[in-house]
Amino acid sequence: MRKNLILNSILLVLLITISFVAYTSYTLETEKRAFKEDAIELSDIR
């Protein structure tokens, strides 16, 4: 019983960590895409 509790706790921590990393990665990639689009738009002005 105690072994299951420890395993479930570890899995929960892993799930939370993976979710946080995925969200952070998505946010950074969205910002990166926006900066890239802005750079393309500025290069077309010339």
Protein backbone atom coordinates (compact mmCIF):
# COMPACT_ATOMS: atom_id res chain seq x y z
CA MET A 1 0.00 0.00 0.00
CA ARG A 2 2.75 2.45 0.94
CA LYS A 3 4.68 1.53 -2.21
CA ASN A 4 1.69 2.52 -4.37
CA LEU A 5 1.39 5.84 -2.56
CA ILE A 6 5.06 6.66 -3.19
CA LEU A 7 4.79 5.60 -6.84
CA ASN A 8 1.63 7.68 -7.35
CA SER A 9 3.30 10.68 -5.73
CA ILE A 10 6.31 10.39 -8.01
CA LEU A 11 4.09 10.04 -11.07
CA LEU A 12 2.06 13.08 -10.03
CA VAL A 13 5.22 15.18 -9.62
CA LEU A 14 6.43 14.01 -13.05
CA LEU A 15 3.08 14.87 -14.63
CA ILE A 16 3.09 18.35 -13.13
CA THR A 17 6.71 18.92 -14.22
CA ILE A 18 6.06 17.73 -17.77
CA SER A 19 2.94 19.89 -18.00
CA PHE A 20 4.85 22.96 -16.83
CA VAL A 21 7.70 22.34 -19.29
CA ALA A 22 5.24 21.80 -22.15
CA TYR A 23 3.37 25.02 -21.35
CA THR A 24 6.62 27.00 -21.07
CA SER A 25 7.88 25.57 -24.34
CA TYR A 26 4.60 26.42 -26.09
CA THR A 27 4.70 29.98 -24.76
CA LEU A 28 8.31 30.50 -25.84
CA GLU A 29 7.67 29.08 -29.31
CA THR A 30 4.65 31.37 -29.72
CA GLU A 31 6.76 34.41 -28.80
CA LYS A 32 9.54 33.23 -31.11
CA ARG A 33 7.07 32.91 -34.00
CA ALA A 34 5.76 36.43 -33.34
CA PHE A 35 9.29 37.88 -33.29
CA LYS A 36 10.10 36.07 -36.53
CA GLU A 37 6.97 37.45 -38.20
CA ASP A 38 7.87 40.94 -36.99
CA ALA A 39 11.40 40.59 -38.37
CA ILE A 40 10.05 39.49 -41.74
CA GLU A 41 7.63 42.41 -41.79
CA LEU A 42 10.42 44.88 -40.93
CA SER A 43 12.70 43.47 -43.61
CA ASP A 44 9.96 44.01 -46.21
CA ILE A 45 9.75 47.73 -45.36
CA ARG A 46 13.14 48.45 -46.85
